[in-house]
Amino acid sequence: MILALVALNVAAFLLEQAYPQTLIDLFALWPPAPAGVPAFHPAFHVWQLVTYSALHANLTHLAVDVIGLHLFGRDLELALGWLRLAALYLASVAAGGRVPALLVQQAGPPAIGGARSCA
């Protein structure tokens, strides 16, 4: 399982180097907004809650992630088994993508019509 995740990350990095804008637009969690759309409303696809984890900004970012997967993932896979590790990994990735989105949503401007009352 860990070797498959390492291979996936390396393959995604190589594809991202070849087709950066396409991969970022389709798979990054916070892709740049298209022209004419306010920056706080980028295109969003549900799969981006998982696929963002395979994208890396540069070789150092990739290396740190792959080393971390190798160092910690091996022991986790031995302890949990590959199926439970896969479930834990996907849940962690999805939660890791959702938490910043919730924070940004909470920090954003109030909804139209004013603030809600807590009465």
PDB file of N, CA and C in Angstrom:
ATOM      1  N   MET A   1       0.823  -1.188   0.000  1.00  0.00           N
ATOM      2  CA  MET A   1       0.000   0.000   0.000  1.00  0.00           C
ATOM      3  C   MET A   1       0.873   1.260   0.000  1.00  0.00           C
ATOM      4  N   ILE A   2       1.878   1.294   0.863  1.00  0.00           N
ATOM      5  CA  ILE A   2       2.741   2.474   0.948  1.00  0.00           C
ATOM      6  C   ILE A   2       3.504   2.673  -0.356  1.00  0.00           C
ATOM      7  N   LEU A   3       4.012   1.600  -0.923  1.00  0.00           N
ATOM      8  CA  LEU A   3       4.719   1.729  -2.208  1.00  0.00           C
ATOM      9  C   LEU A   3       3.782   2.236  -3.301  1.00  0.00           C
ATOM     10  N   ALA A   4       2.531   1.819  -3.265  1.00  0.00           N
ATOM     11  CA  ALA A   4       1.556   2.304  -4.244  1.00  0.00           C
ATOM     12  C   ALA A   4       1.302   3.799  -4.059  1.00  0.00           C
ATOM     13  N   LEU A   5       1.206   4.255  -2.816  1.00  0.00           N
ATOM     14  CA  LEU A   5       1.016   5.691  -2.560  1.00  0.00           C
ATOM     15  C   LEU A   5       2.231   6.506  -2.991  1.00  0.00           C
ATOM     16  N   VAL A   6       3.419   5.976  -2.728  1.00  0.00           N
ATOM     17  CA  VAL A   6       4.638   6.654  -3.169  1.00  0.00           C
ATOM     18  C   VAL A   6       4.654   6.743  -4.699  1.00  0.00           C
ATOM     19  N   ALA A   7       4.350   5.636  -5.359  1.00  0.00           N
ATOM     20  CA  ALA A   7       4.319   5.620  -6.833  1.00  0.00           C
ATOM     21  C   ALA A   7       3.270   6.592  -7.373  1.00  0.00           C
ATOM     22  N   LEU A   8       2.101   6.636  -6.737  1.00  0.00           N
ATOM     23  CA  LEU A   8       1.046   7.563  -7.159  1.00  0.00           C
ATOM     24  C   LEU A   8       1.517   9.007  -7.033  1.00  0.00           C
ATOM     25  N   ASN A   9       2.153   9.347  -5.924  1.00  0.00           N
ATOM     26  CA  ASN A   9       2.639  10.711  -5.725  1.00  0.00           C
ATOM     27  C   ASN A   9       3.716  11.092  -6.734  1.00  0.00           C
ATOM     28  N   VAL A  10       4.634  10.182  -7.010  1.00  0.00           N
ATOM     29  CA  VAL A  10       5.688  10.463  -7.987  1.00  0.00           C
ATOM     30  C   VAL A  10       5.096  10.604  -9.386  1.00  0.00           C
ATOM     31  N   ALA A  11       4.187   9.707  -9.754  1.00  0.00           N
ATOM     32  CA  ALA A  11       3.551   9.781 -11.080  1.00  0.00           C
ATOM     33  C   ALA A  11       2.757  11.076 -11.234  1.00  0.00           C
ATOM     34  N   ALA A  12       2.009  11.451 -10.201  1.00  0.00           N
ATOM     35  CA  ALA A  12       1.236  12.692 -10.257  1.00  0.00           C
ATOM     36  C   ALA A  12       2.162  13.901 -10.383  1.00  0.00           C
ATOM     37  N   PHE A  13       3.287  13.869  -9.680  1.00  0.00           N
ATOM     38  CA  PHE A  13       4.252  14.972  -9.769  1.00  0.00           C
ATOM     39  C   PHE A  13       4.804  15.099 -11.190  1.00  0.00           C
ATOM     40  N   LEU A  14       5.156  13.973 -11.792  1.00  0.00           N
ATOM     41  CA  LEU A  14       5.686  14.009 -13.161  1.00  0.00           C
ATOM     42  C   LEU A  14       4.634  14.507 -14.144  1.00  0.00           C
ATOM     43  N   LEU A  15       3.395  14.064 -13.974  1.00  0.00           N
ATOM     44  CA  LEU A  15       2.309  14.558 -14.832  1.00  0.00           C
ATOM     45  C   LEU A  15       2.079  16.054 -14.609  1.00  0.00           C
ATOM     46  N   GLU A  16       2.171  16.475 -13.351  1.00  0.00           N
ATOM     47  CA  GLU A  16       1.984  17.893 -13.048  1.00  0.00           C
ATOM     48  C   GLU A  16       3.069  18.745 -13.688  1.00  0.00           C
ATOM     49  N   GLN A  17       4.274  18.209 -13.790  1.00  0.00           N
ATOM     50  CA  GLN A  17       5.353  18.947 -14.444  1.00  0.00           C
ATOM     51  C   GLN A  17       5.095  19.079 -15.940  1.00  0.00           C
ATOM     52  N   ALA A  18       4.473  18.057 -16.523  1.00  0.00           N
ATOM     53  CA  ALA A  18       4.188  18.079 -17.963  1.00  0.00           C
ATOM     54  C   ALA A  18       2.955  18.910 -18.303  1.00  0.00           C
ATOM     55  N   TYR A  19       1.925  18.841 -17.446  1.00  0.00           N
ATOM     56  CA  TYR A  19       0.651  19.525 -17.705  1.00  0.00           C
ATOM     57  C   TYR A  19       0.208  20.291 -16.455  1.00  0.00           C
ATOM     58  N   PRO A  20       0.970  21.300 -16.041  1.00  0.00           N
ATOM     59  CA  PRO A  20       0.693  21.934 -14.745  1.00  0.00           C
ATOM     60  C   PRO A  20      -0.699  22.550 -14.632  1.00  0.00           C
ATOM     61  N   GLN A  21      -1.102  23.343 -15.587  1.00  0.00           N
ATOM     62  CA  GLN A  21      -2.376  24.050 -15.463  1.00  0.00           C
ATOM     63  C   GLN A  21      -3.554  23.080 -15.475  1.00  0.00           C
ATOM     64  N   THR A  22      -3.504  22.078 -16.321  1.00  0.00           N
ATOM     65  CA  THR A  22      -4.595  21.109 -16.410  1.00  0.00           C
ATOM     66  C   THR A  22      -4.766  20.355 -15.103  1.00  0.00           C
ATOM     67  N   LEU A  23      -3.674  19.856 -14.543  1.00  0.00           N
ATOM     68  CA  LEU A  23      -3.771  19.096 -13.297  1.00  0.00           C
ATOM     69  C   LEU A  23      -4.195  19.974 -12.135  1.00  0.00           C
ATOM     70  N   ILE A  24      -3.691  21.185 -12.074  1.00  0.00           N
ATOM     71  CA  ILE A  24      -4.081  22.089 -10.989  1.00  0.00           C
ATOM     72  C   ILE A  24      -5.557  22.441 -11.096  1.00  0.00           C
ATOM     73  N   ASP A  25      -6.017  22.761 -12.294  1.00  0.00           N
ATOM     74  CA  ASP A  25      -7.425  23.110 -12.479  1.00  0.00           C
ATOM     75  C   ASP A  25      -8.356  21.961 -12.102  1.00  0.00           C
ATOM     76  N   LEU A  26      -7.981  20.743 -12.456  1.00  0.00           N
ATOM     77  CA  LEU A  26      -8.865  19.602 -12.220  1.00  0.00           C
ATOM     78  C   LEU A  26      -8.725  18.970 -10.845  1.00  0.00           C
ATOM     79  N   PHE A  27      -7.519  18.982 -10.280  1.00  0.00           N
ATOM     80  CA  PHE A  27      -7.286  18.175  -9.088  1.00  0.00           C
ATOM     81  C   PHE A  27      -6.863  18.924  -7.838  1.00  0.00           C
ATOM     82  N   ALA A  28      -6.431  20.186  -7.943  1.00  0.00           N
ATOM     83  CA  ALA A  28      -6.035  20.937  -6.752  1.00  0.00           C
ATOM     84  C   ALA A  28      -7.266  21.337  -5.956  1.00  0.00           C
ATOM     85  N   LEU A  29      -7.128  21.421  -4.659  1.00  0.00           N
ATOM     86  CA  LEU A  29      -8.269  21.757  -3.809  1.00  0.00           C
ATOM     87  C   LEU A  29      -8.702  23.204  -3.984  1.00  0.00           C
ATOM     88  N   TRP A  30      -7.751  24.093  -4.176  1.00  0.00           N
ATOM     89  CA  TRP A  30      -8.059  25.509  -4.357  1.00  0.00           C
ATOM     90  C   TRP A  30      -7.524  25.976  -5.708  1.00  0.00           C
ATOM     91  N   PRO A  31      -8.118  25.523  -6.805  1.00  0.00           N
ATOM     92  CA  PRO A  31      -7.617  25.953  -8.119  1.00  0.00           C
ATOM     93  C   PRO A  31      -7.881  27.437  -8.331  1.00  0.00           C
ATOM     94  N   PRO A  32      -7.069  28.083  -9.140  1.00  0.00           N
ATOM     95  CA  PRO A  32      -7.307  29.499  -9.426  1.00  0.00           C
ATOM     96  C   PRO A  32      -8.667  29.675 -10.099  1.00  0.00           C
ATOM     97  N   ALA A  33      -9.318  30.768  -9.785  1.00  0.00           N
ATOM     98  CA  ALA A  33     -10.624  31.057 -10.385  1.00  0.00           C
ATOM     99  C   ALA A  33     -10.457  31.417 -11.846  1.00  0.00           C
ATOM    100  N   PRO A  34     -11.406  31.026 -12.701  1.00  0.00           N
ATOM    101  CA  PRO A  34     -11.366  31.430 -14.113  1.00  0.00           C
ATOM    102  C   PRO A  34     -11.487  32.947 -14.234  1.00  0.00           C
ATOM    103  N   ALA A  35     -11.071  33.495 -15.354  1.00  0.00           N
ATOM    104  CA  ALA A  35     -11.142  34.934 -15.583  1.00  0.00           C
ATOM    105  C   ALA A  35     -12.587  35.408 -15.424  1.00  0.00           C
ATOM    106  N   GLY A  36     -12.760  36.518 -14.738  1.00  0.00           N
ATOM    107  CA  GLY A  36     -14.091  37.091 -14.565  1.00  0.00           C
ATOM    108  C   GLY A  36     -14.845  36.557 -13.356  1.00  0.00           C
ATOM    109  N   VAL A  37     -14.306  35.556 -12.677  1.00  0.00           N
ATOM    110  CA  VAL A  37     -14.959  35.002 -11.496  1.00  0.00           C
ATOM    111  C   VAL A  37     -14.193  35.499 -10.275  1.00  0.00           C
ATOM    112  N   PRO A  38     -14.894  35.981  -9.248  1.00  0.00           N
ATOM    113  CA  PRO A  38     -14.180  36.460  -8.048  1.00  0.00           C
ATOM    114  C   PRO A  38     -13.269  35.380  -7.484  1.00  0.00           C
ATOM    115  N   ALA A  39     -12.133  35.796  -6.957  1.00  0.00           N
ATOM    116  CA  ALA A  39     -11.116  34.866  -6.469  1.00  0.00           C
ATOM    117  C   ALA A  39     -11.619  33.952  -5.364  1.00  0.00           C
ATOM    118  N   PHE A  40     -12.628  34.368  -4.599  1.00  0.00           N
ATOM    119  CA  PHE A  40     -13.118  33.528  -3.511  1.00  0.00           C
ATOM    120  C   PHE A  40     -14.147  32.506  -3.981  1.00  0.00           C
ATOM    121  N   HIS A  41     -14.381  32.381  -5.295  1.00  0.00           N
ATOM    122  CA  HIS A  41     -15.302  31.399  -5.850  1.00  0.00           C
ATOM    123  C   HIS A  41     -14.626  30.548  -6.929  1.00  0.00           C
ATOM    124  N   PRO A  42     -13.552  29.825  -6.581  1.00  0.00           N
ATOM    125  CA  PRO A  42     -12.916  28.988  -7.602  1.00  0.00           C
ATOM    126  C   PRO A  42     -13.801  27.796  -7.958  1.00  0.00           C
ATOM    127  N   ALA A  43     -13.559  27.226  -9.125  1.00  0.00           N
ATOM    128  CA  ALA A  43     -14.287  26.029  -9.516  1.00  0.00           C
ATOM    129  C   ALA A  43     -13.961  24.930  -8.517  1.00  0.00           C
ATOM    130  N   PHE A  44     -14.977  24.191  -8.097  1.00  0.00           N
ATOM    131  CA  PHE A  44     -14.770  23.124  -7.121  1.00  0.00           C
ATOM    132  C   PHE A  44     -15.416  21.845  -7.627  1.00  0.00           C
ATOM    133  N   HIS A  45     -14.692  20.749  -7.481  1.00  0.00           N
ATOM    134  CA  HIS A  45     -15.205  19.427  -7.814  1.00  0.00           C
ATOM    135  C   HIS A  45     -15.000  18.551  -6.590  1.00  0.00           C
ATOM    136  N   VAL A  46     -15.955  17.706  -6.290  1.00  0.00           N
ATOM    137  CA  VAL A  46     -15.924  16.920  -5.065  1.00  0.00           C
ATOM    138  C   VAL A  46     -14.682  16.033  -4.957  1.00  0.00           C
ATOM    139  N   TRP A  47     -14.171  15.539  -6.061  1.00  0.00           N
ATOM    140  CA  TRP A  47     -12.989  14.673  -6.020  1.00  0.00           C
ATOM    141  C   TRP A  47     -11.740  15.418  -5.551  1.00  0.00           C
ATOM    142  N   GLN A  48     -11.760  16.744  -5.605  1.00  0.00           N
ATOM    143  CA  GLN A  48     -10.603  17.524  -5.188  1.00  0.00           C
ATOM    144  C   GLN A  48     -10.316  17.382  -3.694  1.00  0.00           C
ATOM    145  N   LEU A  49     -11.308  16.928  -2.908  1.00  0.00           N
ATOM    146  CA  LEU A  49     -11.081  16.680  -1.485  1.00  0.00           C
ATOM    147  C   LEU A  49     -10.098  15.542  -1.258  1.00  0.00           C
ATOM    148  N   VAL A  50      -9.856  14.731  -2.277  1.00  0.00           N
ATOM    149  CA  VAL A  50      -8.906  13.619  -2.177  1.00  0.00           C
ATOM    150  C   VAL A  50      -7.709  13.830  -3.108  1.00  0.00           C
ATOM    151  N   THR A  51      -7.960  14.280  -4.335  1.00  0.00           N
ATOM    152  CA  THR A  51      -6.891  14.341  -5.334  1.00  0.00           C
ATOM    153  C   THR A  51      -5.819  15.384  -5.033  1.00  0.00           C
ATOM    154  N   TYR A  52      -6.157  16.393  -4.255  1.00  0.00           N
ATOM    155  CA  TYR A  52      -5.164  17.427  -3.939  1.00  0.00           C
ATOM    156  C   TYR A  52      -3.934  16.833  -3.260  1.00  0.00           C
ATOM    157  N   SER A  53      -4.128  15.726  -2.563  1.00  0.00           N
ATOM    158  CA  SER A  53      -3.024  15.148  -1.787  1.00  0.00           C
ATOM    159  C   SER A  53      -1.916  14.564  -2.662  1.00  0.00           C
ATOM    160  N   ALA A  54      -2.193  14.329  -3.927  1.00  0.00           N
ATOM    161  CA  ALA A  54      -1.169  13.777  -4.820  1.00  0.00           C
ATOM    162  C   ALA A  54      -0.397  14.874  -5.557  1.00  0.00           C
ATOM    163  N   LEU A  55      -0.812  16.131  -5.411  1.00  0.00           N
ATOM    164  CA  LEU A  55      -0.135  17.241  -6.087  1.00  0.00           C
ATOM    165  C   LEU A  55       0.909  17.850  -5.152  1.00  0.00           C
ATOM    166  N   HIS A  56       2.004  18.287  -5.731  1.00  0.00           N
ATOM    167  CA  HIS A  56       3.105  18.843  -4.940  1.00  0.00           C
ATOM    168  C   HIS A  56       3.663  20.080  -5.622  1.00  0.00           C
ATOM    169  N   ALA A  57       4.002  21.076  -4.818  1.00  0.00           N
ATOM    170  CA  ALA A  57       4.471  22.359  -5.343  1.00  0.00           C
ATOM    171  C   ALA A  57       5.845  22.271  -5.991  1.00  0.00           C
ATOM    172  N   ASN A  58       6.711  21.411  -5.444  1.00  0.00           N
ATOM    173  CA  ASN A  58       8.065  21.305  -5.977  1.00  0.00           C
ATOM    174  C   ASN A  58       8.676  19.974  -5.533  1.00  0.00           C
ATOM    175  N   LEU A  59       9.889  19.726  -5.935  1.00  0.00           N
ATOM    176  CA  LEU A  59      10.554  18.458  -5.631  1.00  0.00           C
ATOM    177  C   LEU A  59      10.772  18.272  -4.126  1.00  0.00           C
ATOM    178  N   THR A  60      11.065  19.343  -3.413  1.00  0.00           N
ATOM    179  CA  THR A  60      11.252  19.248  -1.961  1.00  0.00           C
ATOM    180  C   THR A  60       9.956  18.819  -1.275  1.00  0.00           C
ATOM    181  N   HIS A  61       8.844  19.408  -1.679  1.00  0.00           N
ATOM    182  CA  HIS A  61       7.539  19.047  -1.133  1.00  0.00           C
ATOM    183  C   HIS A  61       7.252  17.562  -1.377  1.00  0.00           C
ATOM    184  N   LEU A  62       7.503  17.103  -2.583  1.00  0.00           N
ATOM    185  CA  LEU A  62       7.317  15.684  -2.914  1.00  0.00           C
ATOM    186  C   LEU A  62       8.215  14.808  -2.048  1.00  0.00           C
ATOM    187  N   ALA A  63       9.487  15.177  -1.934  1.00  0.00           N
ATOM    188  CA  ALA A  63      10.446  14.370  -1.167  1.00  0.00           C
ATOM    189  C   ALA A  63      10.031  14.250   0.297  1.00  0.00           C
ATOM    190  N   VAL A  64       9.616  15.337   0.905  1.00  0.00           N
ATOM    191  CA  VAL A  64       9.198  15.300   2.308  1.00  0.00           C
ATOM    192  C   VAL A  64       7.983  14.401   2.485  1.00  0.00           C
ATOM    193  N   ASP A  65       7.005  14.510   1.589  1.00  0.00           N
ATOM    194  CA  ASP A  65       5.814  13.667   1.682  1.00  0.00           C
ATOM    195  C   ASP A  65       6.147  12.191   1.487  1.00  0.00           C
ATOM    196  N   VAL A  66       6.968  11.891   0.508  1.00  0.00           N
ATOM    197  CA  VAL A  66       7.326  10.490   0.221  1.00  0.00           C
ATOM    198  C   VAL A  66       8.152   9.901   1.365  1.00  0.00           C
ATOM    199  N   ILE A  67       9.085  10.678   1.897  1.00  0.00           N
ATOM    200  CA  ILE A  67       9.880  10.195   3.036  1.00  0.00           C
ATOM    201  C   ILE A  67       8.973   9.951   4.238  1.00  0.00           C
ATOM    202  N   GLY A  68       8.041  10.859   4.498  1.00  0.00           N
ATOM    203  CA  GLY A  68       7.096  10.678   5.599  1.00  0.00           C
ATOM    204  C   GLY A  68       6.234   9.443   5.416  1.00  0.00           C
ATOM    205  N   LEU A  69       5.740   9.241   4.200  1.00  0.00           N
ATOM    206  CA  LEU A  69       4.960   8.029   3.911  1.00  0.00           C
ATOM    207  C   LEU A  69       5.792   6.779   4.175  1.00  0.00           C
ATOM    208  N   HIS A  70       7.017   6.804   3.720  1.00  0.00           N
ATOM    209  CA  HIS A  70       7.880   5.634   3.877  1.00  0.00           C
ATOM    210  C   HIS A  70       8.216   5.379   5.351  1.00  0.00           C
ATOM    211  N   LEU A  71       8.595   6.430   6.073  1.00  0.00           N
ATOM    212  CA  LEU A  71       9.014   6.263   7.471  1.00  0.00           C
ATOM    213  C   LEU A  71       7.867   5.847   8.390  1.00  0.00           C
ATOM    214  N   PHE A  72       6.734   6.505   8.265  1.00  0.00           N
ATOM    215  CA  PHE A  72       5.633   6.247   9.184  1.00  0.00           C
ATOM    216  C   PHE A  72       4.625   5.250   8.623  1.00  0.00           C
ATOM    217  N   GLY A  73       4.466   5.251   7.327  1.00  0.00           N
ATOM    218  CA  GLY A  73       3.473   4.389   6.703  1.00  0.00           C
ATOM    219  C   GLY A  73       3.776   2.910   6.811  1.00  0.00           C
ATOM    220  N   ARG A  74       5.051   2.547   6.742  1.00  0.00           N
ATOM    221  CA  ARG A  74       5.418   1.123   6.828  1.00  0.00           C
ATOM    222  C   ARG A  74       4.932   0.520   8.133  1.00  0.00           C
ATOM    223  N   ASP A  75       5.212   1.206   9.250  1.00  0.00           N
ATOM    224  CA  ASP A  75       4.808   0.685  10.557  1.00  0.00           C
ATOM    225  C   ASP A  75       3.289   0.679  10.709  1.00  0.00           C
ATOM    226  N   LEU A  76       2.640   1.721  10.213  1.00  0.00           N
ATOM    227  CA  LEU A  76       1.178   1.751  10.276  1.00  0.00           C
ATOM    228  C   LEU A  76       0.565   0.624   9.454  1.00  0.00           C
ATOM    229  N   GLU A  77       1.136   0.367   8.296  1.00  0.00           N
ATOM    230  CA  GLU A  77       0.605  -0.708   7.453  1.00  0.00           C
ATOM    231  C   GLU A  77       0.781  -2.069   8.134  1.00  0.00           C
ATOM    232  N   LEU A  78       1.914  -2.268   8.796  1.00  0.00           N
ATOM    233  CA  LEU A  78       2.134  -3.522   9.524  1.00  0.00           C
ATOM    234  C   LEU A  78       1.139  -3.668  10.678  1.00  0.00           C
ATOM    235  N   ALA A  79       0.862  -2.565  11.370  1.00  0.00           N
ATOM    236  CA  ALA A  79      -0.032  -2.606  12.526  1.00  0.00           C
ATOM    237  C   ALA A  79      -1.506  -2.698  12.135  1.00  0.00           C
ATOM    238  N   LEU A  80      -1.905  -1.980  11.089  1.00  0.00           N
ATOM    239  CA  LEU A  80      -3.315  -1.893  10.719  1.00  0.00           C
ATOM    240  C   LEU A  80      -3.719  -2.812   9.577  1.00  0.00           C
ATOM    241  N   GLY A  81      -2.776  -3.161   8.736  1.00  0.00           N
ATOM    242  CA  GLY A  81      -3.109  -3.865   7.508  1.00  0.00           C
ATOM    243  C   GLY A  81      -3.377  -2.849   6.411  1.00  0.00           C
ATOM    244  N   TRP A  82      -3.274  -3.297   5.168  1.00  0.00           N
ATOM    245  CA  TRP A  82      -3.364  -2.336   4.062  1.00  0.00           C
ATOM    246  C   TRP A  82      -4.762  -1.752   3.898  1.00  0.00           C
ATOM    247  N   LEU A  83      -5.801  -2.524   4.183  1.00  0.00           N
ATOM    248  CA  LEU A  83      -7.163  -2.034   3.991  1.00  0.00           C
ATOM    249  C   LEU A  83      -7.510  -0.946   5.011  1.00  0.00           C
ATOM    250  N   ARG A  84      -7.187  -1.181   6.265  1.00  0.00           N
ATOM    251  CA  ARG A  84      -7.452  -0.160   7.284  1.00  0.00           C
ATOM    252  C   ARG A  84      -6.570   1.067   7.077  1.00  0.00           C
ATOM    253  N   LEU A  85      -5.339   0.845   6.646  1.00  0.00           N
ATOM    254  CA  LEU A  85      -4.464   1.982   6.363  1.00  0.00           C
ATOM    255  C   LEU A  85      -5.038   2.815   5.217  1.00  0.00           C
ATOM    256  N   ALA A  86      -5.548   2.166   4.193  1.00  0.00           N
ATOM    257  CA  ALA A  86      -6.158   2.891   3.071  1.00  0.00           C
ATOM    258  C   ALA A  86      -7.351   3.720   3.548  1.00  0.00           C
ATOM    259  N   ALA A  87      -8.180   3.155   4.400  1.00  0.00           N
ATOM    260  CA  ALA A  87      -9.329   3.886   4.941  1.00  0.00           C
ATOM    261  C   ALA A  87      -8.872   5.072   5.783  1.00  0.00           C
ATOM    262  N   LEU A  88      -7.864   4.863   6.627  1.00  0.00           N
ATOM    263  CA  LEU A  88      -7.322   5.935   7.455  1.00  0.00           C
ATOM    264  C   LEU A  88      -6.712   7.036   6.591  1.00  0.00           C
ATOM    265  N   TYR A  89      -5.973   6.641   5.567  1.00  0.00           N
ATOM    266  CA  TYR A  89      -5.334   7.606   4.672  1.00  0.00           C
ATOM    267  C   TYR A  89      -6.387   8.464   3.964  1.00  0.00           C
ATOM    268  N   LEU A  90      -7.403   7.814   3.388  1.00  0.00           N
ATOM    269  CA  LEU A  90      -8.450   8.563   2.679  1.00  0.00           C
ATOM    270  C   LEU A  90      -9.229   9.468   3.622  1.00  0.00           C
ATOM    271  N   ALA A  91      -9.551   8.984   4.813  1.00  0.00           N
ATOM    272  CA  ALA A  91     -10.257   9.815   5.781  1.00  0.00           C
ATOM    273  C   ALA A  91      -9.403  11.010   6.200  1.00  0.00           C
ATOM    274  N   SER A  92      -8.119  10.792   6.391  1.00  0.00           N
ATOM    275  CA  SER A  92      -7.202  11.876   6.782  1.00  0.00           C
ATOM    276  C   SER A  92      -7.078  12.917   5.678  1.00  0.00           C
ATOM    277  N   VAL A  93      -6.970  12.457   4.456  1.00  0.00           N
ATOM    278  CA  VAL A  93      -6.852  13.369   3.315  1.00  0.00           C
ATOM    279  C   VAL A  93      -8.134  14.198   3.160  1.00  0.00           C
ATOM    280  N   ALA A  94      -9.287  13.535   3.238  1.00  0.00           N
ATOM    281  CA  ALA A  94     -10.562  14.249   3.098  1.00  0.00           C
ATOM    282  C   ALA A  94     -10.755  15.249   4.236  1.00  0.00           C
ATOM    283  N   ALA A  95     -10.455  14.849   5.461  1.00  0.00           N
ATOM    284  CA  ALA A  95     -10.580  15.764   6.599  1.00  0.00           C
ATOM    285  C   ALA A  95      -9.578  16.912   6.478  1.00  0.00           C
ATOM    286  N   GLY A  96      -8.367  16.593   6.049  1.00  0.00           N
ATOM    287  CA  GLY A  96      -7.351  17.622   5.869  1.00  0.00           C
ATOM    288  C   GLY A  96      -7.720  18.635   4.810  1.00  0.00           C
ATOM    289  N   GLY A  97      -8.503  18.232   3.837  1.00  0.00           N
ATOM    290  CA  GLY A  97      -8.968  19.157   2.813  1.00  0.00           C
ATOM    291  C   GLY A  97     -10.183  19.947   3.249  1.00  0.00           C
ATOM    292  N   ARG A  98     -11.009  19.350   4.082  1.00  0.00           N
ATOM    293  CA  ARG A  98     -12.255  19.991   4.496  1.00  0.00           C
ATOM    294  C   ARG A  98     -12.048  21.034   5.589  1.00  0.00           C
ATOM    295  N   VAL A  99     -11.127  20.810   6.504  1.00  0.00           N
ATOM    296  CA  VAL A  99     -10.923  21.735   7.622  1.00  0.00           C
ATOM    297  C   VAL A  99     -10.542  23.133   7.140  1.00  0.00           C
ATOM    298  N   PRO A 100      -9.547  23.291   6.246  1.00  0.00           N
ATOM    299  CA  PRO A 100      -9.256  24.654   5.771  1.00  0.00           C
ATOM    300  C   PRO A 100     -10.448  25.292   5.058  1.00  0.00           C
ATOM    301  N   ALA A 101     -11.223  24.497   4.333  1.00  0.00           N
ATOM    302  CA  ALA A 101     -12.399  25.039   3.648  1.00  0.00           C
ATOM    303  C   ALA A 101     -13.402  25.576   4.668  1.00  0.00           C
ATOM    304  N   LEU A 102     -13.595  24.852   5.748  1.00  0.00           N
ATOM    305  CA  LEU A 102     -14.504  25.331   6.792  1.00  0.00           C
ATOM    306  C   LEU A 102     -13.988  26.602   7.447  1.00  0.00           C
ATOM    307  N   LEU A 103     -12.680  26.662   7.680  1.00  0.00           N
ATOM    308  CA  LEU A 103     -12.096  27.864   8.284  1.00  0.00           C
ATOM    309  C   LEU A 103     -12.257  29.072   7.375  1.00  0.00           C
ATOM    310  N   VAL A 104     -12.027  28.890   6.088  1.00  0.00           N
ATOM    311  CA  VAL A 104     -12.195  29.989   5.135  1.00  0.00           C
ATOM    312  C   VAL A 104     -13.656  30.412   5.078  1.00  0.00           C
ATOM    313  N   GLN A 105     -14.547  29.444   5.086  1.00  0.00           N
ATOM    314  CA  GLN A 105     -15.976  29.741   5.046  1.00  0.00           C
ATOM    315  C   GLN A 105     -16.379  30.548   6.285  1.00  0.00           C
ATOM    316  N   GLN A 106     -15.885  30.174   7.455  1.00  0.00           N
ATOM    317  CA  GLN A 106     -16.209  30.886   8.691  1.00  0.00           C
ATOM    318  C   GLN A 106     -15.611  32.286   8.719  1.00  0.00           C
ATOM    319  N   ALA A 107     -14.467  32.470   8.078  1.00  0.00           N
ATOM    320  CA  ALA A 107     -13.800  33.773   8.074  1.00  0.00           C
ATOM    321  C   ALA A 107     -14.349  34.707   7.006  1.00  0.00           C
ATOM    322  N   GLY A 108     -15.163  34.173   6.107  1.00  0.00           N
ATOM    323  CA  GLY A 108     -15.684  34.965   5.000  1.00  0.00           C
ATOM    324  C   GLY A 108     -16.718  35.979   5.451  1.00  0.00           C
ATOM    325  N   PRO A 109     -17.194  36.787   4.500  1.00  0.00           N
ATOM    326  CA  PRO A 109     -18.198  37.810   4.824  1.00  0.00           C
ATOM    327  C   PRO A 109     -19.514  37.150   5.248  1.00  0.00           C
ATOM    328  N   PRO A 110     -20.331  37.842   6.054  1.00  0.00           N
ATOM    329  CA  PRO A 110     -21.607  37.270   6.479  1.00  0.00           C
ATOM    330  C   PRO A 110     -22.538  37.061   5.293  1.00  0.00           C
ATOM    331  N   ALA A 111     -23.460  36.137   5.460  1.00  0.00           N
ATOM    332  CA  ALA A 111     -24.425  35.820   4.401  1.00  0.00           C
ATOM    333  C   ALA A 111     -25.286  37.045   4.113  1.00  0.00           C
ATOM    334  N   ILE A 112     -25.825  37.098   2.894  1.00  0.00           N
ATOM    335  CA  ILE A 112     -26.714  38.197   2.502  1.00  0.00           C
ATOM    336  C   ILE A 112     -27.930  38.181   3.423  1.00  0.00           C
ATOM    337  N   GLY A 113     -28.325  39.339   3.895  1.00  0.00           N
ATOM    338  CA  GLY A 113     -29.462  39.415   4.793  1.00  0.00           C
ATOM    339  C   GLY A 113     -29.033  39.623   6.233  1.00  0.00           C
ATOM    340  N   GLY A 114     -27.749  39.723   6.458  1.00  0.00           N
ATOM    341  CA  GLY A 114     -27.261  39.996   7.807  1.00  0.00           C
ATOM    342  C   GLY A 114     -26.887  38.749   8.551  1.00  0.00           C
ATOM    343  N   ALA A 115     -26.377  38.942   9.733  1.00  0.00           N
ATOM    344  CA  ALA A 115     -25.929  37.831  10.559  1.00  0.00           C
ATOM    345  C   ALA A 115     -27.118  37.106  11.161  1.00  0.00           C
ATOM    346  N   ARG A 116     -26.937  35.824  11.435  1.00  0.00           N
ATOM    347  CA  ARG A 116     -27.992  35.045  12.070  1.00  0.00           C
ATOM    348  C   ARG A 116     -28.039  35.369  13.553  1.00  0.00           C
ATOM    349  N   SER A 117     -29.186  35.306  14.076  1.00  0.00           N
ATOM    350  CA  SER A 117     -29.364  35.526  15.514  1.00  0.00           C
ATOM    351  C   SER A 117     -29.238  34.223  16.248  1.00  0.00           C
ATOM    352  N   CYS A 118     -28.683  34.243  17.423  1.00  0.00           N
ATOM    353  CA  CYS A 118     -28.510  33.030  18.231  1.00  0.00           C
ATOM    354  C   CYS A 118     -29.618  32.910  19.268  1.00  0.00           C
ATOM    355  N   ALA A 119     -30.702  33.606  19.104  1.00  0.00           N
ATOM    356  CA  ALA A 119     -31.786  33.609  20.091  1.00  0.00           C
ATOM    357  C   ALA A 119     -32.545  32.340  20.160  1.00  0.00           C
TER     358      ALA A 119
END
